[in-house]
Each structure stands twice: as structure tokens, then as C-alpha cells.
Amino acid sequence: MIRLAMTTAAETFERVREPLAERGIAVDHVQAKERALRVSGGDPTDEFAGFDAGFVYPSRLMEGAVVDRRLSVPWVNGREAVLTSRNKAGVLAALDEAGVPTPRTTVVSNPVDEAVVTEAVAPFDYPVVVKPNSATRGVGVATAADLDSLLGVVDYLNLVHDYRATGDKSYLIQEFLPEARDYRAMVVDGAYAGAVERRLSPDAVEAGRWKHNVHRGATATGVDLPERARTLAERAAAVLDIDYLGVDILASDGRLVVNETNARPTIDAATKYEPGFYDRLAALVERTAKEG
């Protein structure tokens, strides 16, 4: 039996443990953050011993380097995959170059003066979306209805980016797609494996909310994506060369665009994916363990 070290959140761990065990993969959780980690010295036969593969590289790269060394296993989505997907601007640039449709986007690298921001937003129609380049779960994402409100958001980002510890000092200005439907498609080892639509409640919409992140109150419902959207998700994963990928697709006025990707996507209930989802996932883990 293959032994898999899983560093993702508890909800994903609990969901995958039994289905993967039925397919010959024993899953154990390895805590990679919010703890103390031995860096050197001590007994090498510890909680990190005896694993065959990891899933997926820890989100905090500093701690991840230690966990990676201690585990010494190949990863389903290693450090490079996580770094690639985390860079929203880099992802969109790669997809655009490959002909994959994306929202109109400009990246701004701070510090810049107001003239640069004004020029950058000139090709867009308001409202626009402003988002940190490497944040997740919708953190820091806002809309701006005009230049004054945009510059107000930028002032806040300038304040945050002024701290020396802030590694990524870039942000995106992006076209706003009104009333867009928001899908998260899963691609496993190059093939579409299911999708959910993330929806806000009518009350939330009435209150003016628009971000569809599940961590911010949206619900995820399993959907049967049309072939065009499935192909789009697979193309995105192929361009980025990431084996296990969540691909966020927006549908608006007949357009389908890849908005973001996630190399550490939360796994939802099995009923929301294709019947072969866990077979594909288990095969990917097995191949990763053998190739390592």
C-alpha cells in the first residue's frame, strides 16, 4: 500500500482518506504550519518517516522547505506548481500567449505614482476589479467604480506594500464581468474530472456582494459543464503543466474565460465530480510515487 502525506486542510483530508484507502493508498495528515518544526538534530525516525509521496506542497514556502526535506518524497504538485499557480499575472500571461481566453488584465508593480495607475486603467471600462497578485480565497479583492475609488484602493495597497516583509508588491487591474457565473473545474492528470458552480444567496446578492469564494459564504453545487468549458480547463492545465489543478472559469454574455487557477484546490464531496474522480486521483498518486 502506498503511504501518502497530505498537507492540505482537514476537510480535504477527511474527504479523501476513505476513497483513496479503497484504492490502496493510506493517507496521513502532516501538519506543515502553525507548529514547531525540528530543522536539525534529534531522532530521524519520526512523524515524517515512511511516506511514498506528498499531496500537495505546503502553502507556506518557508515551512514547506523544511517539511519537504524531512519527508523526502515526490509531490503531486510540487513547489514549482504551487508557485506557478499562485502568480495570477504569470498564469494569465501564459494562458493568453497560448490562446486561452482570459479577462483583460494589467499587472501593476509597486511603487508607482498615480499617473501610472491612471494610464494603466485607461483601456478599461468601470467598474474594474483590483486584486493582489498572489492572495487566495478572495482576500483583498475589490471593485472600483471610478478613478477616485480606484486610487483609494491603491492607497491601501501602497500602505501594505510599504512593509519590507511583503514579498509580492504587485496587483492586478482586471475587467469586471457583470453577473458572471463562477465555476471551479477540476483537472486531474490532464483530464477534466468534475466541476462546481459557486453561488451567492439571493440575500447576499441583494446586499451588493459579488465575490463567489466559498470561504466568503458562497455555496458550491456540482454541475455538468459543457464540453467547451471542459476543454478550456484542460487546456489551462496543459499550458501550466500542473497535474492537479482547480481552474476558475467565468461565464458572462456568451464568453468563457479562465480567471484564476489553484494548485492547492479544496476537494469537495465526491458527488460533485465525475464518477472516475478518485480513480484518476489514485492513479496520479501512484504514478508520482513510482516516478519519485
C-alpha atoms as a PDB file:
ATOM      1  CA  MET A   1       0.000   0.000   0.000  1.00  0.00           C
ATOM      2  CA  ILE A   2       1.239   3.491  -0.887  1.00  0.00           C
ATOM      3  CA  ARG A   3       1.531   5.900   2.040  1.00  0.00           C
ATOM      4  CA  LEU A   4       0.585   9.491   1.173  1.00  0.00           C
ATOM      5  CA  ALA A   5       1.479  12.578   3.231  1.00  0.00           C
ATOM      6  CA  MET A   6      -1.290  15.165   2.909  1.00  0.00           C
ATOM      7  CA  THR A   7      -0.593  18.761   3.932  1.00  0.00           C
ATOM      8  CA  THR A   8      -3.927  20.267   2.825  1.00  0.00           C
ATOM      9  CA  ALA A   9      -6.747  21.386   5.107  1.00  0.00           C
ATOM     10  CA  ALA A  10      -8.583  18.974   7.371  1.00  0.00           C
ATOM     11  CA  GLU A  11     -11.788  18.963   5.296  1.00  0.00           C
ATOM     12  CA  THR A  12      -9.976  17.726   2.206  1.00  0.00           C
ATOM     13  CA  PHE A  13      -8.056  15.168   4.276  1.00  0.00           C
ATOM     14  CA  GLU A  14     -11.249  13.730   5.764  1.00  0.00           C
ATOM     15  CA  ARG A  15     -12.958  13.532   2.370  1.00  0.00           C
ATOM     16  CA  VAL A  16     -10.156  11.732   0.510  1.00  0.00           C
ATOM     17  CA  ARG A  17      -8.955   9.335   3.201  1.00  0.00           C
ATOM     18  CA  GLU A  18     -11.560   6.599   2.742  1.00  0.00           C
ATOM     19  CA  PRO A  19     -11.885   6.725  -1.081  1.00  0.00           C
ATOM     20  CA  LEU A  20      -8.093   6.563  -1.503  1.00  0.00           C
ATOM     21  CA  ALA A  21      -7.764   3.777   1.084  1.00  0.00           C
ATOM     22  CA  GLU A  22     -10.200   1.727  -1.021  1.00  0.00           C
ATOM     23  CA  ARG A  23      -7.734   2.184  -3.888  1.00  0.00           C
ATOM     24  CA  GLY A  24      -4.625   1.095  -1.992  1.00  0.00           C
ATOM     25  CA  ILE A  25      -3.416   4.482  -0.729  1.00  0.00           C
ATOM     26  CA  ALA A  26      -3.104   5.160   3.001  1.00  0.00           C
ATOM     27  CA  VAL A  27      -3.435   8.888   3.729  1.00  0.00           C
ATOM     28  CA  ASP A  28      -1.963  10.556   6.810  1.00  0.00           C
ATOM     29  CA  HIS A  29      -2.108  14.245   7.635  1.00  0.00           C
ATOM     30  CA  VAL A  30       1.183  16.094   8.039  1.00  0.00           C
ATOM     31  CA  GLN A  31       0.851  19.467   9.738  1.00  0.00           C
ATOM     32  CA  ALA A  32       3.098  21.928   7.932  1.00  0.00           C
ATOM     33  CA  LYS A  33       2.203  25.216   9.650  1.00  0.00           C
ATOM     34  CA  GLU A  34       1.221  26.744  12.991  1.00  0.00           C
ATOM     35  CA  ARG A  35       3.573  24.458  14.896  1.00  0.00           C
ATOM     36  CA  ALA A  36       7.254  23.994  15.736  1.00  0.00           C
ATOM     37  CA  LEU A  37       9.333  22.008  13.229  1.00  0.00           C
ATOM     38  CA  ARG A  38      12.677  20.414  14.006  1.00  0.00           C
ATOM     39  CA  VAL A  39      15.261  21.607  11.489  1.00  0.00           C
ATOM     40  CA  SER A  40      18.317  19.623  12.606  1.00  0.00           C
ATOM     41  CA  GLY A  41      19.350  17.107  15.258  1.00  0.00           C
ATOM     42  CA  GLY A  42      17.163  14.561  17.008  1.00  0.00           C
ATOM     43  CA  ASP A  43      15.808  11.154  16.051  1.00  0.00           C
ATOM     44  CA  PRO A  44      15.320  10.803  12.269  1.00  0.00           C
ATOM     45  CA  THR A  45      12.630   8.116  12.773  1.00  0.00           C
ATOM     46  CA  ASP A  46       9.712  10.426  13.422  1.00  0.00           C
ATOM     47  CA  GLU A  47       6.331  11.517  12.075  1.00  0.00           C
ATOM     48  CA  PHE A  48       7.837  12.282   8.648  1.00  0.00           C
ATOM     49  CA  ALA A  49       9.245   8.809   8.021  1.00  0.00           C
ATOM     50  CA  GLY A  50       7.833   6.083   5.790  1.00  0.00           C
ATOM     51  CA  PHE A  51       5.904   8.087   3.192  1.00  0.00           C
ATOM     52  CA  ASP A  52       5.970   7.382  -0.554  1.00  0.00           C
ATOM     53  CA  ALA A  53       4.506  10.643  -1.913  1.00  0.00           C
ATOM     54  CA  GLY A  54       3.175  14.026  -0.814  1.00  0.00           C
ATOM     55  CA  PHE A  55      -0.052  15.893  -1.626  1.00  0.00           C
ATOM     56  CA  VAL A  56       0.454  18.847  -2.192  1.00  0.00           C
ATOM     57  CA  TYR A  57       3.482  21.086  -1.448  1.00  0.00           C
ATOM     58  CA  PRO A  58       2.751  23.246   1.647  1.00  0.00           C
ATOM     59  CA  SER A  59       1.263  26.683   1.044  1.00  0.00           C
ATOM     60  CA  ARG A  60       3.815  28.397   3.299  1.00  0.00           C
ATOM     61  CA  LEU A  61       7.028  28.004   1.347  1.00  0.00           C
ATOM     62  CA  MET A  62       9.417  28.625   4.245  1.00  0.00           C
ATOM     63  CA  GLU A  63       7.956  25.859   6.389  1.00  0.00           C
ATOM     64  CA  GLY A  64       7.401  23.836   3.226  1.00  0.00           C
ATOM     65  CA  ALA A  65      11.137  23.673   2.559  1.00  0.00           C
ATOM     66  CA  VAL A  66      11.654  22.004   5.946  1.00  0.00           C
ATOM     67  CA  VAL A  67       8.722  19.603   5.524  1.00  0.00           C
ATOM     68  CA  ASP A  68       9.948  18.744   2.027  1.00  0.00           C
ATOM     69  CA  ARG A  69      13.410  17.856   3.330  1.00  0.00           C
ATOM     70  CA  ARG A  70      12.047  15.861   6.238  1.00  0.00           C
ATOM     71  CA  LEU A  71       9.606  13.871   4.078  1.00  0.00           C
ATOM     72  CA  SER A  72      11.985  13.434   1.125  1.00  0.00           C
ATOM     73  CA  VAL A  73       9.190  12.323  -1.235  1.00  0.00           C
ATOM     74  CA  PRO A  74       7.930  13.288  -4.698  1.00  0.00           C
ATOM     75  CA  TRP A  75       4.880  15.561  -4.695  1.00  0.00           C
ATOM     76  CA  VAL A  76       1.596  15.663  -6.522  1.00  0.00           C
ATOM     77  CA  ASN A  77       2.055  19.372  -7.289  1.00  0.00           C
ATOM     78  CA  GLY A  78       5.478  20.292  -6.004  1.00  0.00           C
ATOM     79  CA  ARG A  79       6.894  23.689  -5.166  1.00  0.00           C
ATOM     80  CA  GLU A  80       7.093  24.894  -8.771  1.00  0.00           C
ATOM     81  CA  ALA A  81       3.456  24.037  -9.445  1.00  0.00           C
ATOM     82  CA  VAL A  82       2.311  25.924  -6.348  1.00  0.00           C
ATOM     83  CA  LEU A  83       4.462  28.943  -7.223  1.00  0.00           C
ATOM     84  CA  THR A  84       3.254  28.956 -10.830  1.00  0.00           C
ATOM     85  CA  SER A  85      -0.420  28.897  -9.911  1.00  0.00           C
ATOM     86  CA  ARG A  86      -0.062  31.435  -7.107  1.00  0.00           C
ATOM     87  CA  ASN A  87       1.224  34.094  -9.531  1.00  0.00           C
ATOM     88  CA  LYS A  88      -2.088  35.221 -11.034  1.00  0.00           C
ATOM     89  CA  ALA A  89      -0.473  37.580 -13.534  1.00  0.00           C
ATOM     90  CA  GLY A  90       2.013  34.949 -14.652  1.00  0.00           C
ATOM     91  CA  VAL A  91      -0.788  32.416 -15.142  1.00  0.00           C
ATOM     92  CA  LEU A  92      -2.884  34.812 -17.215  1.00  0.00           C
ATOM     93  CA  ALA A  93       0.116  35.846 -19.313  1.00  0.00           C
ATOM     94  CA  ALA A  94       0.955  32.210 -20.081  1.00  0.00           C
ATOM     95  CA  LEU A  95      -2.656  31.364 -20.927  1.00  0.00           C
ATOM     96  CA  ASP A  96      -3.101  34.439 -23.113  1.00  0.00           C
ATOM     97  CA  GLU A  97       0.068  33.622 -25.042  1.00  0.00           C
ATOM     98  CA  ALA A  98      -1.294  30.110 -25.641  1.00  0.00           C
ATOM     99  CA  GLY A  99      -4.601  31.459 -26.918  1.00  0.00           C
ATOM    100  CA  VAL A 100      -6.654  30.531 -23.845  1.00  0.00           C
ATOM    101  CA  PRO A 101      -9.283  33.255 -23.232  1.00  0.00           C
ATOM    102  CA  THR A 102      -8.794  35.307 -20.059  1.00  0.00           C
ATOM    103  CA  PRO A 103     -10.231  38.588 -18.728  1.00  0.00           C
ATOM    104  CA  ARG A 104      -8.488  41.771 -19.845  1.00  0.00           C
ATOM    105  CA  THR A 105      -5.838  42.278 -17.162  1.00  0.00           C
ATOM    106  CA  THR A 106      -2.933  44.589 -16.342  1.00  0.00           C
ATOM    107  CA  VAL A 107      -0.406  43.968 -13.574  1.00  0.00           C
ATOM    108  CA  VAL A 108       0.986  46.925 -11.618  1.00  0.00           C
ATOM    109  CA  SER A 109       4.275  46.586  -9.744  1.00  0.00           C
ATOM    110  CA  ASN A 110       4.504  48.947  -6.776  1.00  0.00           C
ATOM    111  CA  PRO A 111       5.695  51.529  -6.051  1.00  0.00           C
ATOM    112  CA  VAL A 112       4.315  53.661  -8.894  1.00  0.00           C
ATOM    113  CA  ASP A 113       2.788  57.132  -8.935  1.00  0.00           C
ATOM    114  CA  GLU A 114      -0.846  57.931  -9.715  1.00  0.00           C
ATOM    115  CA  ALA A 115      -0.056  58.751 -13.337  1.00  0.00           C
ATOM    116  CA  VAL A 116       0.996  55.158 -13.974  1.00  0.00           C
ATOM    117  CA  VAL A 117      -2.232  53.821 -12.420  1.00  0.00           C
ATOM    118  CA  THR A 118      -4.322  56.297 -14.401  1.00  0.00           C
ATOM    119  CA  GLU A 119      -2.646  55.225 -17.630  1.00  0.00           C
ATOM    120  CA  ALA A 120      -2.971  51.537 -16.757  1.00  0.00           C
ATOM    121  CA  VAL A 121      -6.720  51.751 -16.200  1.00  0.00           C
ATOM    122  CA  ALA A 122      -7.400  53.909 -19.276  1.00  0.00           C
ATOM    123  CA  PRO A 123      -8.271  50.984 -21.638  1.00  0.00           C
ATOM    124  CA  PHE A 124     -10.834  49.607 -19.155  1.00  0.00           C
ATOM    125  CA  ASP A 125     -14.484  50.417 -18.580  1.00  0.00           C
ATOM    126  CA  TYR A 126     -15.591  50.923 -14.987  1.00  0.00           C
ATOM    127  CA  PRO A 127     -16.161  49.198 -12.687  1.00  0.00           C
ATOM    128  CA  VAL A 128     -12.843  47.363 -12.565  1.00  0.00           C
ATOM    129  CA  VAL A 129     -11.597  44.601 -10.295  1.00  0.00           C
ATOM    130  CA  VAL A 130      -8.473  45.193  -8.199  1.00  0.00           C
ATOM    131  CA  LYS A 131      -6.785  42.178  -6.623  1.00  0.00           C
ATOM    132  CA  PRO A 132      -3.441  41.311  -5.011  1.00  0.00           C
ATOM    133  CA  ASN A 133      -1.413  39.180  -7.386  1.00  0.00           C
ATOM    134  CA  SER A 134      -0.737  36.267  -5.052  1.00  0.00           C
ATOM    135  CA  ALA A 135      -3.513  36.292  -2.435  1.00  0.00           C
ATOM    136  CA  THR A 136      -6.038  33.454  -2.143  1.00  0.00           C
ATOM    137  CA  ARG A 137      -9.672  32.980  -1.053  1.00  0.00           C
ATOM    138  CA  GLY A 138     -10.673  36.391  -2.372  1.00  0.00           C
ATOM    139  CA  VAL A 139      -8.606  38.248   0.214  1.00  0.00           C
ATOM    140  CA  GLY A 140      -8.044  41.892  -0.725  1.00  0.00           C
ATOM    141  CA  VAL A 141     -10.138  41.740  -3.902  1.00  0.00           C
ATOM    142  CA  ALA A 142     -12.258  44.855  -4.515  1.00  0.00           C
ATOM    143  CA  THR A 143     -14.126  46.684  -7.243  1.00  0.00           C
ATOM    144  CA  ALA A 144     -13.636  50.338  -8.134  1.00  0.00           C
ATOM    145  CA  ALA A 145     -16.429  52.332  -9.774  1.00  0.00           C
ATOM    146  CA  ASP A 146     -14.286  55.271 -10.867  1.00  0.00           C
ATOM    147  CA  LEU A 147     -10.740  56.626 -10.804  1.00  0.00           C
ATOM    148  CA  ASP A 148     -11.080  58.157  -7.323  1.00  0.00           C
ATOM    149  CA  SER A 149     -12.230  54.902  -5.754  1.00  0.00           C
ATOM    150  CA  LEU A 150      -9.517  53.007  -7.655  1.00  0.00           C
ATOM    151  CA  LEU A 151      -6.846  55.333  -6.297  1.00  0.00           C
ATOM    152  CA  GLY A 152      -8.297  54.818  -2.816  1.00  0.00           C
ATOM    153  CA  VAL A 153      -7.835  51.043  -3.128  1.00  0.00           C
ATOM    154  CA  VAL A 154      -4.332  51.615  -4.484  1.00  0.00           C
ATOM    155  CA  ASP A 155      -3.526  53.837  -1.474  1.00  0.00           C
ATOM    156  CA  TYR A 156      -4.390  50.921   0.772  1.00  0.00           C
ATOM    157  CA  LEU A 157      -2.217  48.553  -1.263  1.00  0.00           C
ATOM    158  CA  ASN A 158       0.626  51.075  -1.143  1.00  0.00           C
ATOM    159  CA  LEU A 159       0.392  51.043   2.645  1.00  0.00           C
ATOM    160  CA  VAL A 160       0.506  47.245   2.766  1.00  0.00           C
ATOM    161  CA  HIS A 161       3.332  47.026   0.235  1.00  0.00           C
ATOM    162  CA  ASP A 162       5.408  49.519   2.227  1.00  0.00           C
ATOM    163  CA  TYR A 163       6.193  46.805   4.771  1.00  0.00           C
ATOM    164  CA  ARG A 164       9.565  45.246   3.963  1.00  0.00           C
ATOM    165  CA  ALA A 165       8.280  41.751   4.743  1.00  0.00           C
ATOM    166  CA  THR A 166       5.719  41.959   1.935  1.00  0.00           C
ATOM    167  CA  GLY A 167       7.230  39.775  -0.745  1.00  0.00           C
ATOM    168  CA  ASP A 168       4.811  40.375  -3.606  1.00  0.00           C
ATOM    169  CA  LYS A 169       4.249  44.075  -4.259  1.00  0.00           C
ATOM    170  CA  SER A 170       2.143  43.654  -7.390  1.00  0.00           C
ATOM    171  CA  TYR A 171      -1.583  43.814  -8.018  1.00  0.00           C
ATOM    172  CA  LEU A 172      -3.945  43.328 -10.916  1.00  0.00           C
ATOM    173  CA  ILE A 173      -6.418  45.669 -12.571  1.00  0.00           C
ATOM    174  CA  GLN A 174      -8.961  43.491 -14.333  1.00  0.00           C
ATOM    175  CA  GLU A 175     -12.162  43.906 -16.281  1.00  0.00           C
ATOM    176  CA  PHE A 176     -15.334  43.304 -14.283  1.00  0.00           C
ATOM    177  CA  LEU A 177     -17.709  40.764 -15.811  1.00  0.00           C
ATOM    178  CA  PRO A 178     -21.223  41.617 -14.582  1.00  0.00           C
ATOM    179  CA  GLU A 179     -23.451  38.771 -13.420  1.00  0.00           C
ATOM    180  CA  ALA A 180     -20.813  36.219 -14.367  1.00  0.00           C
ATOM    181  CA  ARG A 181     -21.400  32.596 -13.410  1.00  0.00           C
ATOM    182  CA  ASP A 182     -18.422  31.264 -11.465  1.00  0.00           C
ATOM    183  CA  TYR A 183     -17.206  27.681 -11.964  1.00  0.00           C
ATOM    184  CA  ARG A 184     -14.351  25.722 -10.405  1.00  0.00           C
ATOM    185  CA  ALA A 185     -13.342  22.886 -12.729  1.00  0.00           C
ATOM    186  CA  MET A 186     -11.008  20.154 -11.515  1.00  0.00           C
ATOM    187  CA  VAL A 187      -8.362  18.714 -13.829  1.00  0.00           C
ATOM    188  CA  VAL A 188      -6.569  15.554 -12.705  1.00  0.00           C
ATOM    189  CA  ASP A 189      -3.602  14.262 -14.697  1.00  0.00           C
ATOM    190  CA  GLY A 190      -4.611  16.247 -17.763  1.00  0.00           C
ATOM    191  CA  ALA A 191      -8.294  15.300 -17.873  1.00  0.00           C
ATOM    192  CA  TYR A 192     -11.425  17.084 -16.696  1.00  0.00           C
ATOM    193  CA  ALA A 193     -12.703  15.398 -13.522  1.00  0.00           C
ATOM    194  CA  GLY A 194     -15.731  17.452 -12.481  1.00  0.00           C
ATOM    195  CA  ALA A 195     -16.840  20.953 -11.546  1.00  0.00           C
ATOM    196  CA  VAL A 196     -18.870  23.029  -9.130  1.00  0.00           C
ATOM    197  CA  GLU A 197     -20.661  26.325  -9.568  1.00  0.00           C
ATOM    198  CA  ARG A 198     -20.107  28.783  -6.738  1.00  0.00           C
ATOM    199  CA  ARG A 199     -23.186  30.835  -5.971  1.00  0.00           C
ATOM    200  CA  LEU A 200     -24.153  33.570  -3.542  1.00  0.00           C
ATOM    201  CA  SER A 201     -27.518  33.540  -1.803  1.00  0.00           C
ATOM    202  CA  PRO A 202     -30.172  35.983  -3.114  1.00  0.00           C
ATOM    203  CA  ASP A 203     -29.819  37.965   0.116  1.00  0.00           C
ATOM    204  CA  ALA A 204     -26.064  38.319  -0.407  1.00  0.00           C
ATOM    205  CA  VAL A 205     -26.579  39.485  -3.985  1.00  0.00           C
ATOM    206  CA  GLU A 206     -29.246  41.934  -2.859  1.00  0.00           C
ATOM    207  CA  ALA A 207     -26.785  43.295  -0.301  1.00  0.00           C
ATOM    208  CA  GLY A 208     -24.327  44.054  -3.088  1.00  0.00           C
ATOM    209  CA  ARG A 209     -21.879  41.185  -2.609  1.00  0.00           C
ATOM    210  CA  TRP A 210     -20.281  39.746  -5.737  1.00  0.00           C
ATOM    211  CA  LYS A 211     -17.295  37.562  -4.763  1.00  0.00           C
ATOM    212  CA  HIS A 212     -18.145  33.874  -5.120  1.00  0.00           C
ATOM    213  CA  ASN A 213     -15.453  32.384  -2.889  1.00  0.00           C
ATOM    214  CA  VAL A 214     -16.773  29.537  -0.738  1.00  0.00           C
ATOM    215  CA  HIS A 215     -14.640  30.801   2.144  1.00  0.00           C
ATOM    216  CA  ARG A 216     -16.684  34.020   1.978  1.00  0.00           C
ATOM    217  CA  GLY A 217     -20.099  32.414   2.172  1.00  0.00           C
ATOM    218  CA  ALA A 218     -20.845  31.150  -1.332  1.00  0.00           C
ATOM    219  CA  THR A 219     -22.099  27.599  -1.818  1.00  0.00           C
ATOM    220  CA  ALA A 220     -20.609  25.086  -4.262  1.00  0.00           C
ATOM    221  CA  THR A 221     -23.035  22.974  -6.275  1.00  0.00           C
ATOM    222  CA  GLY A 222     -21.971  20.181  -8.600  1.00  0.00           C
ATOM    223  CA  VAL A 223     -22.630  20.971 -12.255  1.00  0.00           C
ATOM    224  CA  ASP A 224     -22.239  19.300 -15.635  1.00  0.00           C
ATOM    225  CA  LEU A 225     -20.022  21.711 -17.558  1.00  0.00           C
ATOM    226  CA  PRO A 226     -20.424  21.937 -21.327  1.00  0.00           C
ATOM    227  CA  GLU A 227     -17.667  20.474 -23.464  1.00  0.00           C
ATOM    228  CA  ARG A 228     -16.298  23.921 -24.342  1.00  0.00           C
ATOM    229  CA  ALA A 229     -15.679  24.715 -20.665  1.00  0.00           C
ATOM    230  CA  ARG A 230     -14.173  21.281 -20.000  1.00  0.00           C
ATOM    231  CA  THR A 231     -11.748  21.714 -22.866  1.00  0.00           C
ATOM    232  CA  LEU A 232     -10.840  25.181 -21.589  1.00  0.00           C
ATOM    233  CA  ALA A 233      -9.939  23.779 -18.166  1.00  0.00           C
ATOM    234  CA  GLU A 234      -7.834  21.005 -19.684  1.00  0.00           C
ATOM    235  CA  ARG A 235      -6.012  23.475 -21.931  1.00  0.00           C
ATOM    236  CA  ALA A 236      -5.184  25.679 -18.944  1.00  0.00           C
ATOM    237  CA  ALA A 237      -3.716  22.738 -17.009  1.00  0.00           C
ATOM    238  CA  ALA A 238      -1.698  21.661 -20.054  1.00  0.00           C
ATOM    239  CA  VAL A 239      -0.263  25.144 -20.626  1.00  0.00           C
ATOM    240  CA  LEU A 240       0.786  25.423 -16.967  1.00  0.00           C
ATOM    241  CA  ASP A 241       1.946  21.774 -16.837  1.00  0.00           C
ATOM    242  CA  ILE A 242       0.228  21.162 -13.486  1.00  0.00           C
ATOM    243  CA  ASP A 243      -1.128  17.657 -12.830  1.00  0.00           C
ATOM    244  CA  TYR A 244      -3.800  18.511 -10.262  1.00  0.00           C
ATOM    245  CA  LEU A 245      -5.444  21.879 -10.808  1.00  0.00           C
ATOM    246  CA  GLY A 246      -8.538  23.855  -9.926  1.00  0.00           C
ATOM    247  CA  VAL A 247      -9.429  26.126 -12.848  1.00  0.00           C
ATOM    248  CA  ASP A 248     -11.753  29.059 -12.156  1.00  0.00           C
ATOM    249  CA  ILE A 249     -13.905  29.824 -15.192  1.00  0.00           C
ATOM    250  CA  LEU A 250     -16.249  32.792 -15.551  1.00  0.00           C
ATOM    251  CA  ALA A 251     -19.196  32.692 -17.970  1.00  0.00           C
ATOM    252  CA  SER A 252     -20.694  36.046 -18.995  1.00  0.00           C
ATOM    253  CA  ASP A 253     -22.589  37.136 -22.128  1.00  0.00           C
ATOM    254  CA  GLY A 254     -21.541  34.067 -24.061  1.00  0.00           C
ATOM    255  CA  ARG A 255     -17.873  34.409 -23.058  1.00  0.00           C
ATOM    256  CA  LEU A 256     -15.904  31.759 -21.174  1.00  0.00           C
ATOM    257  CA  VAL A 257     -12.644  32.937 -19.605  1.00  0.00           C
ATOM    258  CA  VAL A 258     -10.133  31.436 -17.194  1.00  0.00           C
ATOM    259  CA  ASN A 259      -9.968  33.844 -14.291  1.00  0.00           C
ATOM    260  CA  GLU A 260      -7.556  32.100 -11.909  1.00  0.00           C
ATOM    261  CA  THR A 261      -6.080  28.704 -11.095  1.00  0.00           C
ATOM    262  CA  ASN A 262      -5.352  26.915  -7.837  1.00  0.00           C
ATOM    263  CA  ALA A 263      -2.700  24.209  -7.433  1.00  0.00           C
ATOM    264  CA  ARG A 264      -3.967  23.511  -3.903  1.00  0.00           C
ATOM    265  CA  PRO A 265      -7.730  23.263  -4.511  1.00  0.00           C
ATOM    266  CA  THR A 266     -10.086  22.033  -1.815  1.00  0.00           C
ATOM    267  CA  ILE A 267     -11.713  18.723  -2.716  1.00  0.00           C
ATOM    268  CA  ASP A 268     -15.487  18.808  -2.373  1.00  0.00           C
ATOM    269  CA  ALA A 269     -17.943  15.943  -1.899  1.00  0.00           C
ATOM    270  CA  ALA A 270     -17.425  13.111  -4.391  1.00  0.00           C
ATOM    271  CA  THR A 271     -20.990  13.512  -5.696  1.00  0.00           C
ATOM    272  CA  LYS A 272     -19.955  16.856  -7.210  1.00  0.00           C
ATOM    273  CA  TYR A 273     -17.354  15.293  -9.508  1.00  0.00           C
ATOM    274  CA  GLU A 274     -17.217  12.796 -12.332  1.00  0.00           C
ATOM    275  CA  PRO A 275     -17.643   9.109 -11.316  1.00  0.00           C
ATOM    276  CA  GLY A 276     -13.980   8.376 -12.048  1.00  0.00           C
ATOM    277  CA  PHE A 277     -12.594  11.276  -9.993  1.00  0.00           C
ATOM    278  CA  TYR A 278     -10.962   9.165  -7.266  1.00  0.00           C
ATOM    279  CA  ASP A 279      -9.737   6.557  -9.741  1.00  0.00           C
ATOM    280  CA  ARG A 280      -7.872   9.300 -11.607  1.00  0.00           C
ATOM    281  CA  LEU A 281      -6.579  10.847  -8.383  1.00  0.00           C
ATOM    282  CA  ALA A 282      -5.331   7.490  -7.085  1.00  0.00           C
ATOM    283  CA  ALA A 283      -3.615   6.762 -10.401  1.00  0.00           C
ATOM    284  CA  LEU A 284      -1.872  10.147 -10.241  1.00  0.00           C
ATOM    285  CA  VAL A 285      -0.637   9.454  -6.709  1.00  0.00           C
ATOM    286  CA  GLU A 286       0.631   6.016  -7.745  1.00  0.00           C
ATOM    287  CA  ARG A 287       2.458   7.401 -10.769  1.00  0.00           C
ATOM    288  CA  THR A 288       4.006  10.170  -8.679  1.00  0.00           C
ATOM    289  CA  ALA A 289       5.234   7.683  -6.076  1.00  0.00           C
ATOM    290  CA  LYS A 290       6.751   5.415  -8.746  1.00  0.00           C
ATOM    291  CA  GLU A 291       8.429   8.226 -10.672  1.00  0.00           C
ATOM    292  CA  GLY A 292       9.963   9.585  -7.469  1.00  0.00           C
END
